[in-house]
Amino acid sequence: MLPAYGADAHGGEAMTPARLAANISGTPSKGRIYALHGVTDNAASLSDISARWSSDYEVVLIDALGHGCSPRFTPTQLEDPFEALVSSAASLICTIEESAPAPFVALLGHSMGGATAADVVSRGLAPVDALVLEDPALLTSSQREHFRASAEDRIARCDEVTQWMGREIDILLKDYPQWSPSEAGGWAQGKAQVDRNFLARGVVSGSRSCEEILAPISVPTLLITGDGDDVLIGPGGIEEINAMGNAAVETLLIPSARHCVRHSTPTPFYAAVDAFFARVAPSK
């Protein structure tokens, strides 16, 4: 666990990036992969990503601000929590790449982490060569309002998992039989660690629309979603994104995949990302 990148979360100006914790493994022979998790999760819930790619890439699993071992949100950061998520993630990536540039930098993000990753790339805040978005929280106005309205329920759910962690892991693994036990443990741990003051804000994305975020992106991007009843993008979102006509943004809908695409359908997810990396990463 390395909490050493970025600026101090408790001092300085309003938007001083937070100092995030990160788990780093592997070797950067082919490049470096950064991964961002969803709301209430943590870096440990991404551990299979390291297992998958650390033989060829250095893998940086990031605890988002207010999650895992990263600092809690300050009152100032809670005034615009999504901007704090974005600026802190971008700061970490920039700091690492400035000190040890990788030949290829990929950024992966799920849900809230996908919205964060897309915003970082859309605004050019960090050096990223390829972007993978797993059912990102590029929310419509109605989805944003629903998320705000369900904030207290989300806090109560995290409290429930924290109190009955073993039971909840068992339930999760029965519901998602392909979810690895190691990542399920991280999922449960994340519910105990997440900043409740942040959850109370009910914010996991910015105010820009999906089109406003994706239209400026010029790096190769793979957006993966499913058709399960809990997905955020889904078939309708795929149609709208494809209609934008941004050639840099490739979409994939995996049948039967749920919001946690990687956990509900890991084989097609990893196969798609492997093929994407093979196309866009520089060959030696």
C-alpha atoms as a PDB file:
ATOM      1  CA  MET A   1       0.000   0.000   0.000  1.00  0.00           C
ATOM      2  CA  LEU A   2       1.526   3.294  -1.098  1.00  0.00           C
ATOM      3  CA  PRO A   3      -0.199   6.461   0.164  1.00  0.00           C
ATOM      4  CA  ALA A   4       2.671   8.616  -1.094  1.00  0.00           C
ATOM      5  CA  TYR A   5       1.473  10.177  -4.336  1.00  0.00           C
ATOM      6  CA  GLY A   6      -0.197  13.532  -4.835  1.00  0.00           C
ATOM      7  CA  ALA A   7      -0.628  16.555  -2.594  1.00  0.00           C
ATOM      8  CA  ASP A   8      -1.679  16.668   1.029  1.00  0.00           C
ATOM      9  CA  ALA A   9      -5.442  16.363   1.381  1.00  0.00           C
ATOM     10  CA  HIS A  10      -5.637  18.598   4.457  1.00  0.00           C
ATOM     11  CA  GLY A  11      -3.804  21.718   3.451  1.00  0.00           C
ATOM     12  CA  GLY A  12      -3.713  24.466   0.881  1.00  0.00           C
ATOM     13  CA  GLU A  13      -6.249  25.581  -1.677  1.00  0.00           C
ATOM     14  CA  ALA A  14      -9.823  24.445  -2.182  1.00  0.00           C
ATOM     15  CA  MET A  15      -9.078  22.011  -4.984  1.00  0.00           C
ATOM     16  CA  THR A  16      -5.711  20.753  -3.741  1.00  0.00           C
ATOM     17  CA  PRO A  17      -5.719  17.121  -4.868  1.00  0.00           C
ATOM     18  CA  ALA A  18      -5.996  14.548  -2.127  1.00  0.00           C
ATOM     19  CA  ARG A  19      -3.159  12.159  -1.341  1.00  0.00           C
ATOM     20  CA  LEU A  20      -4.495   8.778  -2.384  1.00  0.00           C
ATOM     21  CA  ALA A  21      -3.538   5.243  -1.374  1.00  0.00           C
ATOM     22  CA  ALA A  22      -2.698   2.726  -4.086  1.00  0.00           C
ATOM     23  CA  ASN A  23      -1.712  -0.925  -4.406  1.00  0.00           C
ATOM     24  CA  ILE A  24       1.072  -1.335  -6.974  1.00  0.00           C
ATOM     25  CA  SER A  25       2.275  -4.631  -8.436  1.00  0.00           C
ATOM     26  CA  GLY A  26       3.851  -6.116 -11.530  1.00  0.00           C
ATOM     27  CA  THR A  27       6.416  -4.852 -14.000  1.00  0.00           C
ATOM     28  CA  PRO A  28       5.981  -2.041 -16.556  1.00  0.00           C
ATOM     29  CA  SER A  29       7.567  -3.990 -19.444  1.00  0.00           C
ATOM     30  CA  LYS A  30       4.553  -3.284 -21.682  1.00  0.00           C
ATOM     31  CA  GLY A  31       3.250  -0.288 -19.798  1.00  0.00           C
ATOM     32  CA  ARG A  32       1.163   0.666 -16.789  1.00  0.00           C
ATOM     33  CA  ILE A  33      -2.505   0.081 -15.992  1.00  0.00           C
ATOM     34  CA  TYR A  34      -4.393   2.271 -13.524  1.00  0.00           C
ATOM     35  CA  ALA A  35      -7.731   1.006 -12.201  1.00  0.00           C
ATOM     36  CA  LEU A  36     -10.513   2.939 -10.477  1.00  0.00           C
ATOM     37  CA  HIS A  37     -13.326   1.224  -8.551  1.00  0.00           C
ATOM     38  CA  GLY A  38     -16.988   2.050  -8.067  1.00  0.00           C
ATOM     39  CA  VAL A  39     -18.673   3.821  -5.171  1.00  0.00           C
ATOM     40  CA  THR A  40     -18.327   2.058  -1.780  1.00  0.00           C
ATOM     41  CA  ASP A  41     -15.627  -0.279  -3.163  1.00  0.00           C
ATOM     42  CA  ASN A  42     -11.829  -0.101  -2.786  1.00  0.00           C
ATOM     43  CA  ALA A  43      -8.559  -1.091  -4.440  1.00  0.00           C
ATOM     44  CA  ALA A  44      -8.743  -4.571  -2.903  1.00  0.00           C
ATOM     45  CA  SER A  45     -11.958  -5.191  -4.841  1.00  0.00           C
ATOM     46  CA  LEU A  46      -9.865  -4.827  -8.029  1.00  0.00           C
ATOM     47  CA  SER A  47      -7.215  -7.408  -7.118  1.00  0.00           C
ATOM     48  CA  ASP A  48      -8.067  -9.746 -10.018  1.00  0.00           C
ATOM     49  CA  ILE A  49      -6.914  -7.001 -12.397  1.00  0.00           C
ATOM     50  CA  SER A  50      -3.425  -7.298 -10.928  1.00  0.00           C
ATOM     51  CA  ALA A  51      -3.563 -11.083 -11.173  1.00  0.00           C
ATOM     52  CA  ARG A  52      -4.596 -10.803 -14.817  1.00  0.00           C
ATOM     53  CA  TRP A  53      -2.059  -8.280 -16.101  1.00  0.00           C
ATOM     54  CA  SER A  54       0.830  -7.825 -13.650  1.00  0.00           C
ATOM     55  CA  SER A  55       3.124 -10.191 -15.573  1.00  0.00           C
ATOM     56  CA  ASP A  56       3.257  -7.681 -18.455  1.00  0.00           C
ATOM     57  CA  TYR A  57       2.179  -4.395 -16.886  1.00  0.00           C
ATOM     58  CA  GLU A  58       2.694  -2.493 -13.684  1.00  0.00           C
ATOM     59  CA  VAL A  59      -0.805  -2.331 -12.223  1.00  0.00           C
ATOM     60  CA  VAL A  60      -1.862   0.547  -9.972  1.00  0.00           C
ATOM     61  CA  LEU A  61      -5.090  -0.131  -8.068  1.00  0.00           C
ATOM     62  CA  ILE A  62      -6.317   3.129  -6.590  1.00  0.00           C
ATOM     63  CA  ASP A  63      -8.360   3.743  -3.438  1.00  0.00           C
ATOM     64  CA  ALA A  64     -10.563   6.663  -4.487  1.00  0.00           C
ATOM     65  CA  LEU A  65     -10.853   9.645  -2.184  1.00  0.00           C
ATOM     66  CA  GLY A  66     -13.097   8.722   0.749  1.00  0.00           C
ATOM     67  CA  HIS A  67     -12.645   5.001   0.061  1.00  0.00           C
ATOM     68  CA  GLY A  68     -10.308   2.266   1.257  1.00  0.00           C
ATOM     69  CA  CYS A  69      -7.160   3.643   2.887  1.00  0.00           C
ATOM     70  CA  SER A  70      -7.342   7.038   1.165  1.00  0.00           C
ATOM     71  CA  PRO A  71      -8.221  10.161   3.190  1.00  0.00           C
ATOM     72  CA  ARG A  72     -11.788  11.139   3.959  1.00  0.00           C
ATOM     73  CA  PHE A  73     -13.281  14.145   2.168  1.00  0.00           C
ATOM     74  CA  THR A  74     -12.651  17.519   3.746  1.00  0.00           C
ATOM     75  CA  PRO A  75     -15.644  19.858   4.128  1.00  0.00           C
ATOM     76  CA  THR A  76     -14.299  21.923   1.215  1.00  0.00           C
ATOM     77  CA  GLN A  77     -13.972  18.844  -1.002  1.00  0.00           C
ATOM     78  CA  LEU A  78     -17.531  17.815  -0.156  1.00  0.00           C
ATOM     79  CA  GLU A  79     -18.747  21.031  -1.782  1.00  0.00           C
ATOM     80  CA  ASP A  80     -17.812  19.465  -5.145  1.00  0.00           C
ATOM     81  CA  PRO A  81     -17.023  15.826  -4.397  1.00  0.00           C
ATOM     82  CA  PHE A  82     -16.797  14.622  -7.984  1.00  0.00           C
ATOM     83  CA  GLU A  83     -14.233  17.276  -8.859  1.00  0.00           C
ATOM     84  CA  ALA A  84     -12.247  16.130  -5.811  1.00  0.00           C
ATOM     85  CA  LEU A  85     -12.406  12.524  -7.060  1.00  0.00           C
ATOM     86  CA  VAL A  86     -11.220  13.556 -10.518  1.00  0.00           C
ATOM     87  CA  SER A  87      -8.445  15.911  -9.434  1.00  0.00           C
ATOM     88  CA  SER A  88      -7.011  13.451  -6.900  1.00  0.00           C
ATOM     89  CA  ALA A  89      -6.954  10.565  -9.399  1.00  0.00           C
ATOM     90  CA  ALA A  90      -5.384  12.749 -12.096  1.00  0.00           C
ATOM     91  CA  SER A  91      -2.767  14.008  -9.637  1.00  0.00           C
ATOM     92  CA  LEU A  92      -1.694  10.482  -8.725  1.00  0.00           C
ATOM     93  CA  ILE A  93      -1.379   9.424 -12.373  1.00  0.00           C
ATOM     94  CA  CYS A  94       0.587  12.570 -13.272  1.00  0.00           C
ATOM     95  CA  THR A  95       2.946  12.169 -10.330  1.00  0.00           C
ATOM     96  CA  ILE A  96       3.766   8.552 -11.150  1.00  0.00           C
ATOM     97  CA  GLU A  97       4.153   9.201 -14.876  1.00  0.00           C
ATOM     98  CA  GLU A  98       6.389  12.225 -14.274  1.00  0.00           C
ATOM     99  CA  SER A  99       8.715  10.214 -12.049  1.00  0.00           C
ATOM    100  CA  ALA A 100       8.703   6.969 -14.095  1.00  0.00           C
ATOM    101  CA  PRO A 101       7.048   7.360 -17.523  1.00  0.00           C
ATOM    102  CA  ALA A 102       5.553   4.164 -18.937  1.00  0.00           C
ATOM    103  CA  PRO A 103       5.606   3.357 -22.664  1.00  0.00           C
ATOM    104  CA  PHE A 104       1.841   2.800 -22.587  1.00  0.00           C
ATOM    105  CA  VAL A 105      -0.671   4.054 -20.027  1.00  0.00           C
ATOM    106  CA  ALA A 106      -4.133   2.504 -19.758  1.00  0.00           C
ATOM    107  CA  LEU A 107      -6.852   3.728 -17.409  1.00  0.00           C
ATOM    108  CA  LEU A 108      -9.704   1.405 -16.399  1.00  0.00           C
ATOM    109  CA  GLY A 109     -12.749   2.479 -14.442  1.00  0.00           C
ATOM    110  CA  HIS A 110     -15.961   0.870 -13.226  1.00  0.00           C
ATOM    111  CA  SER A 111     -19.148   2.826 -12.493  1.00  0.00           C
ATOM    112  CA  MET A 112     -18.076   5.889 -10.416  1.00  0.00           C
ATOM    113  CA  GLY A 113     -14.494   5.024 -11.330  1.00  0.00           C
ATOM    114  CA  GLY A 114     -15.529   4.940 -14.976  1.00  0.00           C
ATOM    115  CA  ALA A 115     -17.071   8.399 -14.717  1.00  0.00           C
ATOM    116  CA  THR A 116     -13.909   9.621 -12.999  1.00  0.00           C
ATOM    117  CA  ALA A 117     -11.644   8.045 -15.625  1.00  0.00           C
ATOM    118  CA  ALA A 118     -13.713   9.434 -18.510  1.00  0.00           C
ATOM    119  CA  ASP A 119     -13.591  12.924 -17.018  1.00  0.00           C
ATOM    120  CA  VAL A 120      -9.819  12.741 -16.522  1.00  0.00           C
ATOM    121  CA  VAL A 121      -9.316  11.789 -20.181  1.00  0.00           C
ATOM    122  CA  SER A 122     -12.015  14.078 -21.591  1.00  0.00           C
ATOM    123  CA  ARG A 123     -10.394  17.093 -19.916  1.00  0.00           C
ATOM    124  CA  GLY A 124      -6.821  16.001 -20.646  1.00  0.00           C
ATOM    125  CA  LEU A 125      -5.839  16.037 -16.971  1.00  0.00           C
ATOM    126  CA  ALA A 126      -3.352  13.138 -17.106  1.00  0.00           C
ATOM    127  CA  PRO A 127      -1.264  11.288 -19.713  1.00  0.00           C
ATOM    128  CA  VAL A 128      -3.451   8.351 -20.772  1.00  0.00           C
ATOM    129  CA  ASP A 129      -3.048   6.339 -23.988  1.00  0.00           C
ATOM    130  CA  ALA A 130      -6.099   4.068 -23.714  1.00  0.00           C
ATOM    131  CA  LEU A 131      -9.319   4.081 -21.717  1.00  0.00           C
ATOM    132  CA  VAL A 132     -11.558   1.177 -20.635  1.00  0.00           C
ATOM    133  CA  LEU A 133     -14.951   2.011 -19.137  1.00  0.00           C
ATOM    134  CA  GLU A 134     -16.941  -0.729 -17.407  1.00  0.00           C
ATOM    135  CA  ASP A 135     -20.591   0.403 -17.329  1.00  0.00           C
ATOM    136  CA  PRO A 136     -19.469   3.899 -16.304  1.00  0.00           C
ATOM    137  CA  ALA A 137     -21.665   6.230 -14.261  1.00  0.00           C
ATOM    138  CA  LEU A 138     -22.145   8.685 -17.132  1.00  0.00           C
ATOM    139  CA  LEU A 139     -25.540   9.434 -15.695  1.00  0.00           C
ATOM    140  CA  THR A 140     -28.606  11.045 -17.164  1.00  0.00           C
ATOM    141  CA  SER A 141     -30.274  13.767 -15.106  1.00  0.00           C
ATOM    142  CA  SER A 142     -32.904  11.300 -13.881  1.00  0.00           C
ATOM    143  CA  GLN A 143     -30.215   8.785 -12.888  1.00  0.00           C
ATOM    144  CA  ARG A 144     -28.338  11.501 -10.970  1.00  0.00           C
ATOM    145  CA  GLU A 145     -31.506  12.462  -9.119  1.00  0.00           C
ATOM    146  CA  HIS A 146     -32.267   8.814  -8.304  1.00  0.00           C
ATOM    147  CA  PHE A 147     -28.763   8.384  -6.899  1.00  0.00           C
ATOM    148  CA  ARG A 148     -29.127  11.478  -4.701  1.00  0.00           C
ATOM    149  CA  ALA A 149     -32.511  10.309  -3.458  1.00  0.00           C
ATOM    150  CA  SER A 150     -31.143   6.875  -2.502  1.00  0.00           C
ATOM    151  CA  ALA A 151     -28.152   8.185  -0.515  1.00  0.00           C
ATOM    152  CA  GLU A 152     -29.522   7.215   2.898  1.00  0.00           C
ATOM    153  CA  ASP A 153     -30.426   3.737   1.663  1.00  0.00           C
ATOM    154  CA  ARG A 154     -26.853   3.328   0.388  1.00  0.00           C
ATOM    155  CA  ILE A 155     -25.442   4.308   3.767  1.00  0.00           C
ATOM    156  CA  ALA A 156     -27.779   1.869   5.517  1.00  0.00           C
ATOM    157  CA  ARG A 157     -26.695  -0.878   3.126  1.00  0.00           C
ATOM    158  CA  CYS A 158     -23.024  -0.215   3.849  1.00  0.00           C
ATOM    159  CA  ASP A 159     -23.747  -0.327   7.570  1.00  0.00           C
ATOM    160  CA  GLU A 160     -25.538  -3.653   7.118  1.00  0.00           C
ATOM    161  CA  VAL A 161     -22.622  -5.197   5.207  1.00  0.00           C
ATOM    162  CA  THR A 162     -20.204  -3.860   7.824  1.00  0.00           C
ATOM    163  CA  GLN A 163     -22.188  -5.490  10.632  1.00  0.00           C
ATOM    164  CA  TRP A 164     -22.770  -8.833   8.876  1.00  0.00           C
ATOM    165  CA  MET A 165     -19.717  -9.068   6.632  1.00  0.00           C
ATOM    166  CA  GLY A 166     -19.370 -12.846   6.475  1.00  0.00           C
ATOM    167  CA  ARG A 167     -23.043 -13.352   5.713  1.00  0.00           C
ATOM    168  CA  GLU A 168     -23.014 -10.679   3.022  1.00  0.00           C
ATOM    169  CA  ILE A 169     -19.979 -12.178   1.297  1.00  0.00           C
ATOM    170  CA  ASP A 170     -21.743 -15.544   1.175  1.00  0.00           C
ATOM    171  CA  ILE A 171     -24.863 -13.936  -0.314  1.00  0.00           C
ATOM    172  CA  LEU A 172     -22.787 -12.044  -2.877  1.00  0.00           C
ATOM    173  CA  LEU A 173     -20.944 -15.154  -4.064  1.00  0.00           C
ATOM    174  CA  LYS A 174     -24.224 -17.045  -4.485  1.00  0.00           C
ATOM    175  CA  ASP A 175     -25.647 -14.153  -6.505  1.00  0.00           C
ATOM    176  CA  TYR A 176     -22.441 -13.757  -8.547  1.00  0.00           C
ATOM    177  CA  PRO A 177     -20.921 -17.261  -8.811  1.00  0.00           C
ATOM    178  CA  GLN A 178     -18.031 -16.010 -10.969  1.00  0.00           C
ATOM    179  CA  TRP A 179     -17.035 -13.233  -8.537  1.00  0.00           C
ATOM    180  CA  SER A 180     -13.723 -14.272  -6.971  1.00  0.00           C
ATOM    181  CA  PRO A 181     -13.676 -14.694  -3.151  1.00  0.00           C
ATOM    182  CA  SER A 182     -10.647 -12.402  -2.843  1.00  0.00           C
ATOM    183  CA  GLU A 183     -12.419  -9.535  -4.573  1.00  0.00           C
ATOM    184  CA  ALA A 184     -15.628 -10.270  -2.666  1.00  0.00           C
ATOM    185  CA  GLY A 185     -13.688  -9.738   0.541  1.00  0.00           C
ATOM    186  CA  GLY A 186     -12.456  -6.399  -0.794  1.00  0.00           C
ATOM    187  CA  TRP A 187     -16.017  -5.470  -1.749  1.00  0.00           C
ATOM    188  CA  ALA A 188     -17.203  -6.062   1.815  1.00  0.00           C
ATOM    189  CA  GLN A 189     -14.204  -4.313   3.352  1.00  0.00           C
ATOM    190  CA  GLY A 190     -14.926  -1.288   1.181  1.00  0.00           C
ATOM    191  CA  LYS A 191     -18.391  -0.917   2.716  1.00  0.00           C
ATOM    192  CA  ALA A 192     -16.805  -0.557   6.156  1.00  0.00           C
ATOM    193  CA  GLN A 193     -14.207   1.930   4.939  1.00  0.00           C
ATOM    194  CA  VAL A 194     -16.216   4.325   2.764  1.00  0.00           C
ATOM    195  CA  ASP A 195     -16.754   7.905   3.954  1.00  0.00           C
ATOM    196  CA  ARG A 196     -20.406   8.198   5.001  1.00  0.00           C
ATOM    197  CA  ASN A 197     -20.296  11.993   4.642  1.00  0.00           C
ATOM    198  CA  PHE A 198     -19.468  11.512   0.975  1.00  0.00           C
ATOM    199  CA  LEU A 199     -22.236   8.947   0.513  1.00  0.00           C
ATOM    200  CA  ALA A 200     -24.711  11.377   2.047  1.00  0.00           C
ATOM    201  CA  ARG A 201     -24.069  13.768  -0.849  1.00  0.00           C
ATOM    202  CA  GLY A 202     -25.369  11.172  -3.317  1.00  0.00           C
ATOM    203  CA  VAL A 203     -22.863  12.130  -6.008  1.00  0.00           C
ATOM    204  CA  VAL A 204     -20.902   9.713  -8.224  1.00  0.00           C
ATOM    205  CA  SER A 205     -20.579  11.759 -11.417  1.00  0.00           C
ATOM    206  CA  GLY A 206     -20.300  15.290 -12.684  1.00  0.00           C
ATOM    207  CA  SER A 207     -22.964  17.505 -14.204  1.00  0.00           C
ATOM    208  CA  ARG A 208     -21.810  17.112 -17.819  1.00  0.00           C
ATOM    209  CA  SER A 209     -23.809  14.834 -20.090  1.00  0.00           C
ATOM    210  CA  CYS A 210     -22.478  11.598 -21.533  1.00  0.00           C
ATOM    211  CA  GLU A 211     -22.058  13.283 -24.923  1.00  0.00           C
ATOM    212  CA  GLU A 212     -20.218  16.265 -23.434  1.00  0.00           C
ATOM    213  CA  ILE A 213     -17.774  13.891 -21.753  1.00  0.00           C
ATOM    214  CA  LEU A 214     -17.208  11.394 -24.559  1.00  0.00           C
ATOM    215  CA  ALA A 215     -17.241  13.734 -27.571  1.00  0.00           C
ATOM    216  CA  PRO A 216     -13.827  15.331 -26.865  1.00  0.00           C
ATOM    217  CA  ILE A 217     -12.068  12.007 -26.194  1.00  0.00           C
ATOM    218  CA  SER A 218      -9.428  11.213 -28.795  1.00  0.00           C
ATOM    219  CA  VAL A 219      -7.544   8.313 -27.196  1.00  0.00           C
ATOM    220  CA  PRO A 220      -8.691   4.751 -28.001  1.00  0.00           C
ATOM    221  CA  THR A 221     -11.599   3.968 -25.701  1.00  0.00           C
ATOM    222  CA  LEU A 222     -13.533   0.764 -25.049  1.00  0.00           C
ATOM    223  CA  LEU A 223     -16.860   1.129 -23.244  1.00  0.00           C
ATOM    224  CA  ILE A 224     -18.361  -2.164 -22.056  1.00  0.00           C
ATOM    225  CA  THR A 225     -21.851  -2.614 -20.663  1.00  0.00           C
ATOM    226  CA  GLY A 226     -24.513  -5.317 -20.441  1.00  0.00           C
ATOM    227  CA  ASP A 227     -28.248  -5.787 -20.655  1.00  0.00           C
ATOM    228  CA  GLY A 228     -28.944  -6.711 -17.042  1.00  0.00           C
ATOM    229  CA  ASP A 229     -31.646  -4.844 -15.161  1.00  0.00           C
ATOM    230  CA  ASP A 230     -29.140  -2.887 -13.054  1.00  0.00           C
ATOM    231  CA  VAL A 231     -26.890  -1.507 -15.822  1.00  0.00           C
ATOM    232  CA  LEU A 232     -26.331   2.226 -16.208  1.00  0.00           C
ATOM    233  CA  ILE A 233     -25.512   2.398 -19.941  1.00  0.00           C
ATOM    234  CA  GLY A 234     -27.201  -0.659 -21.456  1.00  0.00           C
ATOM    235  CA  PRO A 235     -28.472  -1.111 -25.025  1.00  0.00           C
ATOM    236  CA  GLY A 236     -30.117   2.315 -25.190  1.00  0.00           C
ATOM    237  CA  GLY A 237     -26.990   4.072 -24.006  1.00  0.00           C
ATOM    238  CA  ILE A 238     -24.873   2.155 -26.502  1.00  0.00           C
ATOM    239  CA  GLU A 239     -27.099   3.354 -29.347  1.00  0.00           C
ATOM    240  CA  GLU A 240     -26.786   6.974 -28.217  1.00  0.00           C
ATOM    241  CA  ILE A 241     -23.007   6.741 -27.827  1.00  0.00           C
ATOM    242  CA  ASN A 242     -22.569   5.128 -31.244  1.00  0.00           C
ATOM    243  CA  ALA A 243     -24.738   7.861 -32.767  1.00  0.00           C
ATOM    244  CA  MET A 244     -22.231  10.479 -31.566  1.00  0.00           C
ATOM    245  CA  GLY A 245     -19.871   9.280 -34.263  1.00  0.00           C
ATOM    246  CA  ASN A 246     -16.662   9.522 -32.216  1.00  0.00           C
ATOM    247  CA  ALA A 247     -14.404   6.964 -33.916  1.00  0.00           C
ATOM    248  CA  ALA A 248     -12.145   6.828 -30.855  1.00  0.00           C
ATOM    249  CA  VAL A 249     -14.937   5.404 -28.682  1.00  0.00           C
ATOM    250  CA  GLU A 250     -15.684   1.719 -29.283  1.00  0.00           C
ATOM    251  CA  THR A 251     -18.628   0.082 -27.512  1.00  0.00           C
ATOM    252  CA  LEU A 252     -19.384  -3.489 -26.559  1.00  0.00           C
ATOM    253  CA  LEU A 253     -22.562  -4.946 -25.075  1.00  0.00           C
ATOM    254  CA  ILE A 254     -22.045  -8.314 -23.381  1.00  0.00           C
ATOM    255  CA  PRO A 255     -25.320 -10.283 -23.217  1.00  0.00           C
ATOM    256  CA  SER A 256     -26.459 -11.170 -19.675  1.00  0.00           C
ATOM    257  CA  ALA A 257     -23.821  -8.908 -18.125  1.00  0.00           C
ATOM    258  CA  ARG A 258     -24.891  -6.898 -15.098  1.00  0.00           C
ATOM    259  CA  HIS A 259     -23.625  -3.538 -13.826  1.00  0.00           C
ATOM    260  CA  CYS A 260     -20.575  -5.317 -12.412  1.00  0.00           C
ATOM    261  CA  VAL A 261     -19.683  -6.586 -15.879  1.00  0.00           C
ATOM    262  CA  ARG A 262     -16.301  -7.979 -14.885  1.00  0.00           C
ATOM    263  CA  HIS A 263     -17.811  -9.969 -12.032  1.00  0.00           C
ATOM    264  CA  SER A 264     -20.924 -11.264 -13.772  1.00  0.00           C
ATOM    265  CA  THR A 265     -19.242 -12.183 -17.088  1.00  0.00           C
ATOM    266  CA  PRO A 266     -15.464 -12.196 -16.513  1.00  0.00           C
ATOM    267  CA  THR A 267     -14.439 -14.337 -19.498  1.00  0.00           C
ATOM    268  CA  PRO A 268     -15.873 -12.135 -22.279  1.00  0.00           C
ATOM    269  CA  PHE A 269     -14.907  -8.984 -20.380  1.00  0.00           C
ATOM    270  CA  TYR A 270     -11.230  -9.895 -20.054  1.00  0.00           C
ATOM    271  CA  ALA A 271     -11.128 -11.287 -23.606  1.00  0.00           C
ATOM    272  CA  ALA A 272     -12.460  -7.992 -24.959  1.00  0.00           C
ATOM    273  CA  VAL A 273      -9.977  -5.900 -22.992  1.00  0.00           C
ATOM    274  CA  ASP A 274      -7.069  -8.190 -23.952  1.00  0.00           C
ATOM    275  CA  ALA A 275      -7.996  -7.805 -27.624  1.00  0.00           C
ATOM    276  CA  PHE A 276      -8.336  -4.033 -27.182  1.00  0.00           C
ATOM    277  CA  PHE A 277      -4.887  -3.761 -25.588  1.00  0.00           C
ATOM    278  CA  ALA A 278      -3.404  -5.903 -28.365  1.00  0.00           C
ATOM    279  CA  ARG A 279      -4.738  -3.406 -30.919  1.00  0.00           C
ATOM    280  CA  VAL A 280      -3.875  -0.131 -29.215  1.00  0.00           C
ATOM    281  CA  ALA A 281      -0.730  -0.811 -27.172  1.00  0.00           C
ATOM    282  CA  PRO A 282       2.594  -0.221 -28.960  1.00  0.00           C
ATOM    283  CA  SER A 283       4.363  -3.357 -30.104  1.00  0.00           C
ATOM    284  CA  LYS A 284       7.946  -3.876 -29.021  1.00  0.00           C
END
